[in-house]
Amino acid sequence: MGDDIQSKVLAFAFGLSAEIERNLISQRTKEALERKRKEGIVLGRPKGSSKPHQFKLFGQDNKIIKLLRTGLSLNKVARKLKVHRSTLSKYIKVKDLKLAV
């Protein structure tokens, strides 16, 4: 593309057509989602649909308990296990892990 007026007009036309296409895609998506809602289909991930065997920390209960009993913080244990500390905290609650020394 050059600095002449024809190049600028062409670039503007391409930009405008891209914006129109984005708007059309967005409109079609919104219409489809609304139609699904009206049909009674629940959208998104169902609450509580995670199964224990799908948890990232599944099968590491003994390791978690051992690390926490050595005095490591939740943050450090989570880093060692390569998960977020909230993931570790939720896993401990869900599995009702006994952490007493």
N, C-alpha and C. Protein backbone atom coordinates (compact mmCIF):
# COMPACT_ATOMS: atom_id res chain seq x y z
N MET A 1 0.84 -1.18 0.00
CA MET A 1 0.00 0.00 0.00
C MET A 1 0.88 1.24 0.00
N GLY A 2 0.50 2.11 -0.84
CA GLY A 2 1.27 3.35 -0.96
C GLY A 2 0.64 4.48 -0.18
N ASP A 3 1.16 5.67 -0.41
CA ASP A 3 0.67 6.87 0.27
C ASP A 3 -0.37 7.61 -0.56
N ASP A 4 -0.70 7.09 -1.73
CA ASP A 4 -1.65 7.79 -2.60
C ASP A 4 -3.09 7.57 -2.13
N ILE A 5 -3.99 8.33 -2.67
CA ILE A 5 -5.40 8.33 -2.26
C ILE A 5 -6.08 7.00 -2.57
N GLN A 6 -5.69 6.36 -3.67
CA GLN A 6 -6.31 5.09 -4.03
C GLN A 6 -6.00 4.01 -2.99
N SER A 7 -4.79 3.99 -2.50
CA SER A 7 -4.41 3.02 -1.48
C SER A 7 -5.18 3.27 -0.19
N LYS A 8 -5.36 4.53 0.17
CA LYS A 8 -6.10 4.88 1.38
C LYS A 8 -7.57 4.48 1.26
N VAL A 9 -8.15 4.69 0.09
CA VAL A 9 -9.55 4.30 -0.14
C VAL A 9 -9.69 2.78 -0.06
N LEU A 10 -8.74 2.08 -0.66
CA LEU A 10 -8.77 0.62 -0.64
C LEU A 10 -8.63 0.09 0.80
N ALA A 11 -7.70 0.67 1.56
CA ALA A 11 -7.51 0.26 2.95
C ALA A 11 -8.78 0.54 3.76
N PHE A 12 -9.41 1.68 3.53
CA PHE A 12 -10.64 2.02 4.23
C PHE A 12 -11.75 1.02 3.88
N ALA A 13 -11.84 0.66 2.61
CA ALA A 13 -12.87 -0.28 2.16
C ALA A 13 -12.67 -1.65 2.81
N PHE A 14 -11.41 -2.11 2.86
CA PHE A 14 -11.13 -3.40 3.52
C PHE A 14 -11.47 -3.35 5.00
N GLY A 15 -11.10 -2.27 5.64
CA GLY A 15 -11.41 -2.10 7.07
C GLY A 15 -12.90 -2.08 7.33
N LEU A 16 -13.63 -1.38 6.48
CA LEU A 16 -15.08 -1.30 6.62
C LEU A 16 -15.74 -2.66 6.40
N SER A 17 -15.28 -3.39 5.40
CA SER A 17 -15.87 -4.71 5.15
C SER A 17 -15.56 -5.67 6.30
N ALA A 18 -14.37 -5.56 6.89
CA ALA A 18 -14.02 -6.41 8.04
C ALA A 18 -14.91 -6.08 9.23
N GLU A 19 -15.15 -4.81 9.47
CA GLU A 19 -16.02 -4.40 10.59
C GLU A 19 -17.45 -4.90 10.38
N ILE A 20 -17.94 -4.79 9.16
CA ILE A 20 -19.29 -5.27 8.84
C ILE A 20 -19.38 -6.77 9.08
N GLU A 21 -18.37 -7.52 8.65
CA GLU A 21 -18.36 -8.97 8.85
C GLU A 21 -18.35 -9.32 10.33
N ARG A 22 -17.55 -8.60 11.14
CA ARG A 22 -17.52 -8.84 12.59
C ARG A 22 -18.89 -8.61 13.20
N ASN A 23 -19.55 -7.54 12.78
CA ASN A 23 -20.88 -7.24 13.30
C ASN A 23 -21.89 -8.32 12.91
N LEU A 24 -21.81 -8.82 11.68
CA LEU A 24 -22.72 -9.87 11.23
C LEU A 24 -22.52 -11.16 12.03
N ILE A 25 -21.25 -11.51 12.26
CA ILE A 25 -20.95 -12.71 13.05
C ILE A 25 -21.49 -12.57 14.46
N SER A 26 -21.26 -11.41 15.06
CA SER A 26 -21.75 -11.15 16.42
C SER A 26 -23.27 -11.25 16.47
N GLN A 27 -23.94 -10.66 15.50
CA GLN A 27 -25.40 -10.69 15.45
C GLN A 27 -25.92 -12.12 15.30
N ARG A 28 -25.31 -12.90 14.42
CA ARG A 28 -25.74 -14.30 14.23
C ARG A 28 -25.53 -15.11 15.52
N THR A 29 -24.42 -14.88 16.20
CA THR A 29 -24.13 -15.60 17.44
C THR A 29 -25.16 -15.26 18.50
N LYS A 30 -25.44 -13.98 18.66
CA LYS A 30 -26.43 -13.55 19.67
C LYS A 30 -27.81 -14.12 19.36
N GLU A 31 -28.19 -14.13 18.10
CA GLU A 31 -29.50 -14.68 17.71
C GLU A 31 -29.57 -16.18 18.01
N ALA A 32 -28.50 -16.89 17.71
CA ALA A 32 -28.48 -18.34 17.96
C ALA A 32 -28.56 -18.63 19.45
N LEU A 33 -27.84 -17.86 20.27
CA LEU A 33 -27.89 -18.06 21.72
C LEU A 33 -29.28 -17.76 22.27
N GLU A 34 -29.89 -16.71 21.77
CA GLU A 34 -31.24 -16.35 22.22
C GLU A 34 -32.24 -17.44 21.83
N ARG A 35 -32.09 -17.99 20.63
CA ARG A 35 -32.97 -19.06 20.18
C ARG A 35 -32.82 -20.29 21.09
N LYS A 36 -31.58 -20.62 21.44
CA LYS A 36 -31.33 -21.77 22.33
C LYS A 36 -31.96 -21.53 23.70
N ARG A 37 -31.85 -20.30 24.22
CA ARG A 37 -32.46 -19.99 25.52
C ARG A 37 -33.98 -20.15 25.46
N LYS A 38 -34.59 -19.69 24.37
CA LYS A 38 -36.04 -19.81 24.22
C LYS A 38 -36.48 -21.26 24.11
N GLU A 39 -35.58 -22.13 23.59
CA GLU A 39 -35.89 -23.55 23.50
C GLU A 39 -35.72 -24.24 24.85
N GLY A 40 -35.22 -23.49 25.83
CA GLY A 40 -35.06 -24.05 27.17
C GLY A 40 -33.73 -24.73 27.41
N ILE A 41 -32.80 -24.55 26.52
CA ILE A 41 -31.48 -25.16 26.67
C ILE A 41 -30.63 -24.27 27.58
N VAL A 42 -30.07 -24.88 28.62
CA VAL A 42 -29.21 -24.14 29.54
C VAL A 42 -27.83 -24.03 28.90
N LEU A 43 -27.34 -22.79 28.82
CA LEU A 43 -26.06 -22.53 28.18
C LEU A 43 -24.94 -22.51 29.22
N GLY A 44 -23.76 -22.84 28.79
CA GLY A 44 -22.59 -22.78 29.67
C GLY A 44 -22.32 -24.10 30.37
N ARG A 45 -21.29 -24.07 31.17
CA ARG A 45 -20.88 -25.25 31.92
C ARG A 45 -21.81 -25.43 33.10
N PRO A 46 -22.38 -26.62 33.26
CA PRO A 46 -23.28 -26.84 34.39
C PRO A 46 -22.55 -26.71 35.72
N LYS A 47 -23.21 -26.12 36.71
CA LYS A 47 -22.62 -25.96 38.03
C LYS A 47 -22.43 -27.33 38.66
N GLY A 48 -21.30 -27.51 39.29
CA GLY A 48 -21.04 -28.75 40.01
C GLY A 48 -20.85 -29.95 39.11
N SER A 49 -20.48 -29.71 37.85
CA SER A 49 -20.37 -30.83 36.93
C SER A 49 -19.01 -31.53 36.99
N SER A 50 -18.10 -30.96 37.76
CA SER A 50 -16.77 -31.58 37.85
C SER A 50 -16.86 -32.86 38.65
N LYS A 51 -16.21 -33.86 38.17
CA LYS A 51 -16.17 -35.14 38.85
C LYS A 51 -14.81 -35.28 39.51
N PRO A 52 -14.75 -35.88 40.70
CA PRO A 52 -13.47 -35.96 41.43
C PRO A 52 -12.32 -36.53 40.60
N HIS A 53 -12.59 -37.51 39.74
CA HIS A 53 -11.49 -38.09 38.96
C HIS A 53 -11.01 -37.15 37.86
N GLN A 54 -11.72 -36.03 37.65
CA GLN A 54 -11.29 -35.06 36.65
C GLN A 54 -10.49 -33.92 37.27
N PHE A 55 -10.44 -33.87 38.61
CA PHE A 55 -9.69 -32.81 39.26
C PHE A 55 -8.21 -32.93 38.92
N LYS A 56 -7.57 -31.81 38.78
CA LYS A 56 -6.15 -31.79 38.45
C LYS A 56 -5.32 -32.43 39.56
N LEU A 57 -5.81 -32.35 40.80
CA LEU A 57 -5.07 -32.88 41.94
C LEU A 57 -5.49 -34.28 42.34
N PHE A 58 -6.32 -34.92 41.54
CA PHE A 58 -6.84 -36.24 41.88
C PHE A 58 -5.70 -37.23 42.12
N GLY A 59 -5.80 -37.95 43.22
CA GLY A 59 -4.82 -38.97 43.54
C GLY A 59 -3.57 -38.46 44.24
N GLN A 60 -3.53 -37.18 44.57
CA GLN A 60 -2.35 -36.61 45.22
C GLN A 60 -2.63 -36.24 46.67
N ASP A 61 -3.67 -36.85 47.26
CA ASP A 61 -4.07 -36.50 48.62
C ASP A 61 -2.91 -36.66 49.61
N ASN A 62 -2.25 -37.81 49.58
CA ASN A 62 -1.16 -38.07 50.54
C ASN A 62 -0.03 -37.06 50.37
N LYS A 63 0.28 -36.74 49.13
CA LYS A 63 1.35 -35.78 48.85
C LYS A 63 0.99 -34.40 49.41
N ILE A 64 -0.27 -34.00 49.22
CA ILE A 64 -0.73 -32.70 49.70
C ILE A 64 -0.64 -32.65 51.22
N ILE A 65 -1.15 -33.68 51.87
CA ILE A 65 -1.13 -33.73 53.34
C ILE A 65 0.31 -33.69 53.84
N LYS A 66 1.18 -34.47 53.22
CA LYS A 66 2.59 -34.53 53.63
C LYS A 66 3.25 -33.15 53.50
N LEU A 67 3.02 -32.47 52.37
CA LEU A 67 3.62 -31.16 52.15
C LEU A 67 3.10 -30.13 53.15
N LEU A 68 1.81 -30.16 53.42
CA LEU A 68 1.24 -29.20 54.36
C LEU A 68 1.71 -29.47 55.79
N ARG A 69 1.89 -30.73 56.13
CA ARG A 69 2.36 -31.07 57.48
C ARG A 69 3.81 -30.67 57.71
N THR A 70 4.58 -30.51 56.63
CA THR A 70 5.97 -30.07 56.79
C THR A 70 6.04 -28.57 57.08
N GLY A 71 4.90 -27.91 57.03
CA GLY A 71 4.87 -26.49 57.37
C GLY A 71 4.83 -25.56 56.17
N LEU A 72 4.76 -26.11 54.98
CA LEU A 72 4.67 -25.26 53.79
C LEU A 72 3.31 -24.58 53.73
N SER A 73 3.30 -23.37 53.22
CA SER A 73 2.03 -22.65 53.07
C SER A 73 1.25 -23.22 51.89
N LEU A 74 -0.04 -22.89 51.85
CA LEU A 74 -0.87 -23.32 50.72
C LEU A 74 -0.29 -22.82 49.40
N ASN A 75 0.21 -21.59 49.44
CA ASN A 75 0.81 -21.00 48.24
C ASN A 75 1.97 -21.83 47.73
N LYS A 76 2.87 -22.21 48.63
CA LYS A 76 4.06 -22.97 48.22
C LYS A 76 3.70 -24.38 47.76
N VAL A 77 2.76 -24.99 48.45
CA VAL A 77 2.31 -26.33 48.05
C VAL A 77 1.68 -26.26 46.67
N ALA A 78 0.84 -25.25 46.46
CA ALA A 78 0.17 -25.09 45.16
C ALA A 78 1.20 -24.90 44.05
N ARG A 79 2.24 -24.10 44.32
CA ARG A 79 3.28 -23.90 43.32
C ARG A 79 4.00 -25.20 43.00
N LYS A 80 4.29 -25.99 44.04
CA LYS A 80 4.97 -27.28 43.82
C LYS A 80 4.12 -28.21 42.95
N LEU A 81 2.79 -28.14 43.15
CA LEU A 81 1.88 -29.01 42.42
C LEU A 81 1.43 -28.40 41.09
N LYS A 82 1.92 -27.19 40.82
CA LYS A 82 1.63 -26.47 39.57
C LYS A 82 0.14 -26.20 39.38
N VAL A 83 -0.51 -25.74 40.47
CA VAL A 83 -1.90 -25.31 40.41
C VAL A 83 -2.03 -23.99 41.15
N HIS A 84 -3.16 -23.32 40.97
CA HIS A 84 -3.42 -22.09 41.69
C HIS A 84 -3.79 -22.42 43.13
N ARG A 85 -3.48 -21.52 44.05
CA ARG A 85 -3.76 -21.81 45.46
C ARG A 85 -5.25 -21.99 45.73
N SER A 86 -6.10 -21.31 44.97
CA SER A 86 -7.55 -21.49 45.17
C SER A 86 -7.99 -22.88 44.71
N THR A 87 -7.32 -23.43 43.69
CA THR A 87 -7.61 -24.79 43.25
C THR A 87 -7.27 -25.77 44.35
N LEU A 88 -6.11 -25.58 44.98
CA LEU A 88 -5.70 -26.44 46.08
C LEU A 88 -6.66 -26.32 47.25
N SER A 89 -7.01 -25.10 47.58
CA SER A 89 -7.92 -24.86 48.71
C SER A 89 -9.28 -25.52 48.48
N LYS A 90 -9.82 -25.37 47.27
CA LYS A 90 -11.11 -25.98 46.94
C LYS A 90 -11.02 -27.50 46.99
N TYR A 91 -9.90 -28.04 46.51
CA TYR A 91 -9.71 -29.49 46.51
C TYR A 91 -9.68 -30.02 47.94
N ILE A 92 -8.99 -29.31 48.81
CA ILE A 92 -8.92 -29.72 50.22
C ILE A 92 -10.31 -29.72 50.84
N LYS A 93 -11.11 -28.70 50.53
CA LYS A 93 -12.48 -28.63 51.06
C LYS A 93 -13.35 -29.74 50.51
N VAL A 94 -13.31 -29.93 49.19
CA VAL A 94 -14.16 -30.93 48.54
C VAL A 94 -13.82 -32.32 49.02
N LYS A 95 -12.54 -32.62 49.13
CA LYS A 95 -12.10 -33.95 49.55
C LYS A 95 -12.11 -34.11 51.07
N ASP A 96 -12.34 -33.01 51.80
CA ASP A 96 -12.36 -33.00 53.26
C ASP A 96 -11.09 -33.67 53.82
N LEU A 97 -9.95 -33.18 53.31
CA LEU A 97 -8.67 -33.75 53.74
C LEU A 97 -8.38 -33.34 55.18
N LYS A 98 -8.01 -34.28 55.99
CA LYS A 98 -7.67 -34.02 57.39
C LYS A 98 -6.19 -33.64 57.45
N LEU A 99 -5.94 -32.40 57.86
CA LEU A 99 -4.58 -31.89 57.85
C LEU A 99 -3.99 -31.77 59.24
N ALA A 100 -4.67 -32.28 60.24
CA ALA A 100 -4.16 -32.18 61.61
C ALA A 100 -2.85 -32.92 61.73
N VAL A 101 -1.95 -32.35 62.50
CA VAL A 101 -0.60 -32.96 62.67
C VAL A 101 -0.66 -34.11 63.64
